[in-house]
C-alpha atoms as a PDB file:
ATOM      1  CA  UNK A   1     -11.276 -31.567  -5.403  1.00  0.00           C
ATOM      2  CA  UNK A   2     -12.197 -28.793  -7.836  1.00  0.00           C
ATOM      3  CA  UNK A   3      -9.498 -26.167  -8.114  1.00  0.00           C
ATOM      4  CA  UNK A   4     -12.140 -23.670  -9.242  1.00  0.00           C
ATOM      5  CA  UNK A   5     -13.761 -23.671  -5.811  1.00  0.00           C
ATOM      6  CA  UNK A   6     -13.564 -20.249  -4.155  1.00  0.00           C
ATOM      7  CA  UNK A   7     -11.795 -19.809  -0.832  1.00  0.00           C
ATOM      8  CA  UNK A   8     -11.514 -16.755   1.418  1.00  0.00           C
ATOM      9  CA  UNK A   9      -8.376 -14.642   1.083  1.00  0.00           C
ATOM     10  CA  UNK A  10      -9.353 -11.355   2.749  1.00  0.00           C
ATOM     11  CA  UNK A  11     -12.205 -10.938   5.203  1.00  0.00           C
ATOM     12  CA  UNK A  12     -14.569  -7.959   5.233  1.00  0.00           C
ATOM     13  CA  UNK A  13     -12.576  -6.051   7.855  1.00  0.00           C
ATOM     14  CA  UNK A  14      -9.329  -6.397   5.903  1.00  0.00           C
ATOM     15  CA  UNK A  15     -10.983  -5.256   2.693  1.00  0.00           C
ATOM     16  CA  UNK A  16     -12.657  -2.290   4.389  1.00  0.00           C
ATOM     17  CA  UNK A  17      -9.350  -1.169   5.914  1.00  0.00           C
ATOM     18  CA  UNK A  18      -7.547  -1.602   2.594  1.00  0.00           C
ATOM     19  CA  UNK A  19     -10.076   0.446   0.605  1.00  0.00           C
ATOM     20  CA  UNK A  20     -10.310   3.143   3.271  1.00  0.00           C
ATOM     21  CA  UNK A  21      -6.530   3.414   3.074  1.00  0.00           C
ATOM     22  CA  UNK A  22      -6.552   3.407  -0.737  1.00  0.00           C
ATOM     23  CA  UNK A  23      -9.253   6.060  -1.129  1.00  0.00           C
ATOM     24  CA  UNK A  24      -7.783   8.379   1.496  1.00  0.00           C
ATOM     25  CA  UNK A  25      -4.330   7.968  -0.049  1.00  0.00           C
ATOM     26  CA  UNK A  26      -5.547   8.872  -3.539  1.00  0.00           C
ATOM     27  CA  UNK A  27      -7.356  11.922  -2.148  1.00  0.00           C
ATOM     28  CA  UNK A  28      -4.342  13.073  -0.143  1.00  0.00           C
ATOM     29  CA  UNK A  29      -1.990  12.427  -3.065  1.00  0.00           C
ATOM     30  CA  UNK A  30      -4.018  14.305  -5.658  1.00  0.00           C
ATOM     31  CA  UNK A  31      -4.803  17.279  -3.420  1.00  0.00           C
ATOM     32  CA  UNK A  32      -1.168  17.324  -2.304  1.00  0.00           C
ATOM     33  CA  UNK A  33       0.032  17.435  -5.906  1.00  0.00           C
ATOM     34  CA  UNK A  34      -2.353  20.323  -6.549  1.00  0.00           C
ATOM     35  CA  UNK A  35      -0.749  22.273  -3.701  1.00  0.00           C
ATOM     36  CA  UNK A  36       2.803  21.245  -4.565  1.00  0.00           C
ATOM     37  CA  UNK A  37       3.030  22.447  -8.173  1.00  0.00           C
ATOM     38  CA  UNK A  38       1.281  25.279  -9.972  1.00  0.00           C
ATOM     39  CA  UNK A  39       1.256  23.088 -13.076  1.00  0.00           C
ATOM     40  CA  UNK A  40      -0.950  20.633 -11.219  1.00  0.00           C
ATOM     41  CA  UNK A  41      -3.117  23.221  -9.486  1.00  0.00           C
ATOM     42  CA  UNK A  42      -5.912  22.417 -11.929  1.00  0.00           C
ATOM     43  CA  UNK A  43      -6.515  19.328  -9.781  1.00  0.00           C
ATOM     44  CA  UNK A  44      -7.807  21.645  -7.059  1.00  0.00           C
ATOM     45  CA  UNK A  45     -10.884  22.441  -9.158  1.00  0.00           C
ATOM     46  CA  UNK A  46     -11.768  18.750  -9.157  1.00  0.00           C
ATOM     47  CA  UNK A  47     -11.870  18.717  -5.348  1.00  0.00           C
ATOM     48  CA  UNK A  48     -13.756  21.934  -4.674  1.00  0.00           C
ATOM     49  CA  UNK A  49     -11.189  24.656  -5.296  1.00  0.00           C
ATOM     50  CA  UNK A  50      -8.023  25.915  -3.648  1.00  0.00           C
ATOM     51  CA  UNK A  51      -9.356  26.883  -0.193  1.00  0.00           C
ATOM     52  CA  UNK A  52     -11.194  23.557   0.148  1.00  0.00           C
ATOM     53  CA  UNK A  53      -8.140  21.590  -0.915  1.00  0.00           C
ATOM     54  CA  UNK A  54      -5.870  23.474   1.494  1.00  0.00           C
ATOM     55  CA  UNK A  55      -8.283  22.791   4.336  1.00  0.00           C
ATOM     56  CA  UNK A  56      -9.074  19.160   3.555  1.00  0.00           C
ATOM     57  CA  UNK A  57      -5.707  17.826   2.352  1.00  0.00           C
ATOM     58  CA  UNK A  58      -4.350  17.396   5.906  1.00  0.00           C
ATOM     59  CA  UNK A  59      -7.492  15.539   6.961  1.00  0.00           C
ATOM     60  CA  UNK A  60      -7.080  13.178   4.021  1.00  0.00           C
ATOM     61  CA  UNK A  61      -3.593  12.514   5.303  1.00  0.00           C
ATOM     62  CA  UNK A  62      -4.873  11.873   8.819  1.00  0.00           C
ATOM     63  CA  UNK A  63      -7.468   9.388   7.533  1.00  0.00           C
ATOM     64  CA  UNK A  64      -4.764   7.622   5.520  1.00  0.00           C
ATOM     65  CA  UNK A  65      -2.477   7.409   8.552  1.00  0.00           C
ATOM     66  CA  UNK A  66      -5.271   6.067  10.755  1.00  0.00           C
ATOM     67  CA  UNK A  67      -6.375   3.448   8.225  1.00  0.00           C
ATOM     68  CA  UNK A  68      -2.775   2.380   7.638  1.00  0.00           C
ATOM     69  CA  UNK A  69      -2.410   2.088  11.389  1.00  0.00           C
ATOM     70  CA  UNK A  70      -5.300  -0.383  11.459  1.00  0.00           C
ATOM     71  CA  UNK A  71      -3.698  -2.246   8.547  1.00  0.00           C
ATOM     72  CA  UNK A  72      -0.374  -2.365  10.372  1.00  0.00           C
ATOM     73  CA  UNK A  73      -2.002  -3.778  13.470  1.00  0.00           C
ATOM     74  CA  UNK A  74      -3.776  -6.407  11.382  1.00  0.00           C
ATOM     75  CA  UNK A  75      -0.872  -7.544   9.204  1.00  0.00           C
ATOM     76  CA  UNK A  76       2.418  -6.623  10.887  1.00  0.00           C
ATOM     77  CA  UNK A  77       3.024 -10.122  12.242  1.00  0.00           C
ATOM     78  CA  UNK A  78       2.349 -11.952   8.979  1.00  0.00           C
ATOM     79  CA  UNK A  79       4.501  -9.429   7.092  1.00  0.00           C
ATOM     80  CA  UNK A  80       7.689 -10.426   8.934  1.00  0.00           C
ATOM     81  CA  UNK A  81      10.419 -11.524   6.496  1.00  0.00           C
ATOM     82  CA  UNK A  82      11.771 -15.061   6.890  1.00  0.00           C
ATOM     83  CA  UNK A  83      14.730 -16.890   5.325  1.00  0.00           C
ATOM     84  CA  UNK A  84      12.697 -17.912   2.260  1.00  0.00           C
ATOM     85  CA  UNK A  85      11.707 -14.283   1.702  1.00  0.00           C
ATOM     86  CA  UNK A  86      15.366 -13.236   1.639  1.00  0.00           C
ATOM     87  CA  UNK A  87      16.112 -15.823  -1.044  1.00  0.00           C
ATOM     88  CA  UNK A  88      13.005 -14.655  -2.936  1.00  0.00           C
ATOM     89  CA  UNK A  89      14.199 -11.047  -2.861  1.00  0.00           C
ATOM     90  CA  UNK A  90      17.659 -11.957  -4.169  1.00  0.00           C
ATOM     91  CA  UNK A  91      16.013 -13.695  -7.119  1.00  0.00           C
ATOM     92  CA  UNK A  92      12.992 -11.428  -7.569  1.00  0.00           C
ATOM     93  CA  UNK A  93      13.793 -10.974 -11.265  1.00  0.00           C
ATOM     94  CA  UNK A  94      12.529 -14.534 -11.762  1.00  0.00           C
ATOM     95  CA  UNK A  95       9.118 -13.412 -10.490  1.00  0.00           C
ATOM     96  CA  UNK A  96       9.015 -10.639 -13.084  1.00  0.00           C
ATOM     97  CA  UNK A  97       9.851 -13.259 -15.724  1.00  0.00           C
ATOM     98  CA  UNK A  98       6.963 -15.489 -14.535  1.00  0.00           C
ATOM     99  CA  UNK A  99       9.400 -18.169 -13.360  1.00  0.00           C
ATOM    100  CA  UNK A 100       7.784 -18.471  -9.926  1.00  0.00           C
ATOM    101  CA  UNK A 101       8.521 -22.195  -9.754  1.00  0.00           C
ATOM    102  CA  UNK A 102      12.222 -21.376  -9.361  1.00  0.00           C
ATOM    103  CA  UNK A 103      11.570 -19.266  -6.253  1.00  0.00           C
ATOM    104  CA  UNK A 104      10.884 -20.412  -2.674  1.00  0.00           C
ATOM    105  CA  UNK A 105       7.214 -21.128  -2.088  1.00  0.00           C
ATOM    106  CA  UNK A 106       5.325 -18.167  -0.661  1.00  0.00           C
ATOM    107  CA  UNK A 107       2.910 -17.967   2.225  1.00  0.00           C
ATOM    108  CA  UNK A 108      -0.037 -15.604   2.417  1.00  0.00           C
ATOM    109  CA  UNK A 109       2.144 -12.757   1.113  1.00  0.00           C
ATOM    110  CA  UNK A 110       5.297 -12.940  -0.971  1.00  0.00           C
ATOM    111  CA  UNK A 111       8.473 -11.046  -0.144  1.00  0.00           C
ATOM    112  CA  UNK A 112       7.675  -8.265  -2.607  1.00  0.00           C
ATOM    113  CA  UNK A 113       4.317  -7.638  -0.957  1.00  0.00           C
ATOM    114  CA  UNK A 114       5.945  -7.643   2.462  1.00  0.00           C
ATOM    115  CA  UNK A 115       8.587  -5.145   1.394  1.00  0.00           C
ATOM    116  CA  UNK A 116       5.871  -2.936  -0.079  1.00  0.00           C
ATOM    117  CA  UNK A 117       4.025  -3.059   3.253  1.00  0.00           C
ATOM    118  CA  UNK A 118       7.080  -1.975   5.242  1.00  0.00           C
ATOM    119  CA  UNK A 119       8.083   0.654   2.700  1.00  0.00           C
ATOM    120  CA  UNK A 120       4.628   2.239   2.694  1.00  0.00           C
ATOM    121  CA  UNK A 121       4.514   2.113   6.493  1.00  0.00           C
ATOM    122  CA  UNK A 122       7.824   3.988   6.675  1.00  0.00           C
ATOM    123  CA  UNK A 123       6.677   6.566   4.134  1.00  0.00           C
ATOM    124  CA  UNK A 124       3.419   7.010   6.064  1.00  0.00           C
ATOM    125  CA  UNK A 125       5.331   7.827   9.267  1.00  0.00           C
ATOM    126  CA  UNK A 126       7.451  10.399   7.394  1.00  0.00           C
ATOM    127  CA  UNK A 127       4.400  11.911   5.713  1.00  0.00           C
ATOM    128  CA  UNK A 128       2.435  12.134   8.946  1.00  0.00           C
ATOM    129  CA  UNK A 129       5.291  13.639  10.980  1.00  0.00           C
ATOM    130  CA  UNK A 130       6.316  16.173   8.333  1.00  0.00           C
ATOM    131  CA  UNK A 131       2.664  16.896   7.557  1.00  0.00           C
ATOM    132  CA  UNK A 132       1.973  17.826  11.170  1.00  0.00           C
ATOM    133  CA  UNK A 133       4.863  20.295  11.103  1.00  0.00           C
ATOM    134  CA  UNK A 134       3.556  21.876   7.892  1.00  0.00           C
ATOM    135  CA  UNK A 135      -0.001  21.896   9.259  1.00  0.00           C
ATOM    136  CA  UNK A 136       1.008  23.630  12.503  1.00  0.00           C
ATOM    137  CA  UNK A 137       4.255  25.455  11.625  1.00  0.00           C
ATOM    138  CA  UNK A 138       3.962  27.810  14.593  1.00  0.00           C
ATOM    139  CA  UNK A 139       4.668  24.982  17.065  1.00  0.00           C
ATOM    140  CA  UNK A 140       7.833  23.747  15.329  1.00  0.00           C
ATOM    141  CA  UNK A 141      11.320  25.260  15.239  1.00  0.00           C
ATOM    142  CA  UNK A 142      12.612  26.663  11.952  1.00  0.00           C
ATOM    143  CA  UNK A 143      14.924  23.693  11.380  1.00  0.00           C
ATOM    144  CA  UNK A 144      11.984  21.279  11.649  1.00  0.00           C
ATOM    145  CA  UNK A 145       9.942  23.357   9.201  1.00  0.00           C
ATOM    146  CA  UNK A 146      12.771  23.394   6.664  1.00  0.00           C
ATOM    147  CA  UNK A 147      13.252  19.649   7.049  1.00  0.00           C
ATOM    148  CA  UNK A 148       9.502  19.024   6.664  1.00  0.00           C
ATOM    149  CA  UNK A 149       9.421  21.046   3.440  1.00  0.00           C
ATOM    150  CA  UNK A 150      12.031  18.652   2.039  1.00  0.00           C
ATOM    151  CA  UNK A 151      10.847  15.362   3.558  1.00  0.00           C
ATOM    152  CA  UNK A 152       7.130  15.670   2.846  1.00  0.00           C
ATOM    153  CA  UNK A 153       7.277  15.841  -0.980  1.00  0.00           C
ATOM    154  CA  UNK A 154      10.087  13.269  -1.196  1.00  0.00           C
ATOM    155  CA  UNK A 155       8.153  10.795   0.952  1.00  0.00           C
ATOM    156  CA  UNK A 156       5.022  11.501  -1.085  1.00  0.00           C
ATOM    157  CA  UNK A 157       6.824  10.795  -4.365  1.00  0.00           C
ATOM    158  CA  UNK A 158       8.217   7.542  -2.978  1.00  0.00           C
ATOM    159  CA  UNK A 159       4.825   6.484  -1.635  1.00  0.00           C
ATOM    160  CA  UNK A 160       2.991   7.377  -4.856  1.00  0.00           C
ATOM    161  CA  UNK A 161       5.560   5.417  -6.863  1.00  0.00           C
ATOM    162  CA  UNK A 162       5.071   2.422  -4.609  1.00  0.00           C
ATOM    163  CA  UNK A 163       1.291   2.571  -4.946  1.00  0.00           C
ATOM    164  CA  UNK A 164       1.535   2.780  -8.748  1.00  0.00           C
ATOM    165  CA  UNK A 165       3.704  -0.355  -8.696  1.00  0.00           C
ATOM    166  CA  UNK A 166       1.258  -2.026  -6.297  1.00  0.00           C
ATOM    167  CA  UNK A 167      -1.678  -1.303  -8.616  1.00  0.00           C
ATOM    168  CA  UNK A 168       0.252  -2.540 -11.658  1.00  0.00           C
ATOM    169  CA  UNK A 169       1.252  -5.780  -9.934  1.00  0.00           C
ATOM    170  CA  UNK A 170      -2.267  -6.378  -8.625  1.00  0.00           C
ATOM    171  CA  UNK A 171      -3.929  -5.909 -12.010  1.00  0.00           C
ATOM    172  CA  UNK A 172      -1.625  -6.542 -14.967  1.00  0.00           C
ATOM    173  CA  UNK A 173       1.000  -8.894 -13.513  1.00  0.00           C
ATOM    174  CA  UNK A 174      -1.139 -11.057 -11.207  1.00  0.00           C
ATOM    175  CA  UNK A 175      -4.651 -11.474 -12.648  1.00  0.00           C
ATOM    176  CA  UNK A 176      -7.111 -12.363  -9.918  1.00  0.00           C
ATOM    177  CA  UNK A 177      -5.373 -10.357  -7.200  1.00  0.00           C
ATOM    178  CA  UNK A 178      -7.809  -7.451  -7.555  1.00  0.00           C
ATOM    179  CA  UNK A 179     -10.778  -9.799  -7.193  1.00  0.00           C
ATOM    180  CA  UNK A 180      -9.312 -10.988  -3.897  1.00  0.00           C
ATOM    181  CA  UNK A 181      -9.487  -7.446  -2.541  1.00  0.00           C
ATOM    182  CA  UNK A 182     -12.930  -6.653  -3.983  1.00  0.00           C
ATOM    183  CA  UNK A 183     -14.815  -9.897  -3.393  1.00  0.00           C
ATOM    184  CA  UNK A 184     -12.521 -11.404  -0.791  1.00  0.00           C
ATOM    185  CA  UNK A 185     -12.116 -14.768  -2.518  1.00  0.00           C
ATOM    186  CA  UNK A 186      -9.789 -16.549  -4.924  1.00  0.00           C
ATOM    187  CA  UNK A 187      -9.959 -19.958  -6.583  1.00  0.00           C
ATOM    188  CA  UNK A 188      -8.077 -22.847  -5.051  1.00  0.00           C
ATOM    189  CA  UNK A 189      -6.088 -23.062  -8.280  1.00  0.00           C
ATOM    190  CA  UNK A 190      -5.035 -19.414  -7.954  1.00  0.00           C
ATOM    191  CA  UNK A 191      -4.008 -19.917  -4.332  1.00  0.00           C
ATOM    192  CA  UNK A 192      -2.042 -23.069  -5.134  1.00  0.00           C
ATOM    193  CA  UNK A 193      -0.267 -21.318  -8.001  1.00  0.00           C
ATOM    194  CA  UNK A 194       0.591 -17.977  -6.394  1.00  0.00           C
ATOM    195  CA  UNK A 195       0.753 -18.764  -2.667  1.00  0.00           C
ATOM    196  CA  UNK A 196       1.264 -22.548  -2.357  1.00  0.00           C
ATOM    197  CA  UNK A 197       2.541 -22.514   1.228  1.00  0.00           C
ATOM    198  CA  UNK A 198      -0.514 -20.540   2.345  1.00  0.00           C
ATOM    199  CA  UNK A 199      -2.825 -22.837   0.381  1.00  0.00           C
ATOM    200  CA  UNK A 200      -1.390 -25.934   2.065  1.00  0.00           C
ATOM    201  CA  UNK A 201      -1.843 -24.350   5.479  1.00  0.00           C
ATOM    202  CA  UNK A 202      -5.493 -23.629   4.655  1.00  0.00           C
ATOM    203  CA  UNK A 203      -6.012 -27.172   3.393  1.00  0.00           C
ATOM    204  CA  UNK A 204      -4.934 -28.580   6.740  1.00  0.00           C
ATOM    205  CA  UNK A 205      -7.854 -26.906   8.508  1.00  0.00           C
END
């Protein structure tokens, strides 16, 4: 069996949801940064100017929340942490050192990817809830508005940091991962190396 043979990792629906989420997140993040700091307000000119950014930023957030909702529905079950994932997390430094063979074998997603999924889901809930309060401040009590002013930027910073890490891991640390999300396929050798448990399950079918 040739290990260079391509196998499906993400179907068209999964890729469409992922890229819709990614694009809407980048838009919401950049327009949000433009509104958050006067030093970053120059970003507003890239997206049509201040009034346009103020009007469209919330809609970018809504699109991100909706697309992440579809992603959650699609992947929530497979993202559940098991006993092997807990061992993987305790020894995650070995993954950073490219000593994967010393870690428990991973399924379709490793523990780091699962934690990223749950972290981004939590941040998305905080961003959406606080964003609604800031979008319609007249319907919320003063305490909720004050809390939203604090929560929204903190959740955004956490989410942006997570996405930067996600991009770094998917490009520099794990070559071939980006291809999986653009073309939908990976080589059998890649699957056997990075997600051996998942590869064995596929081989049974």
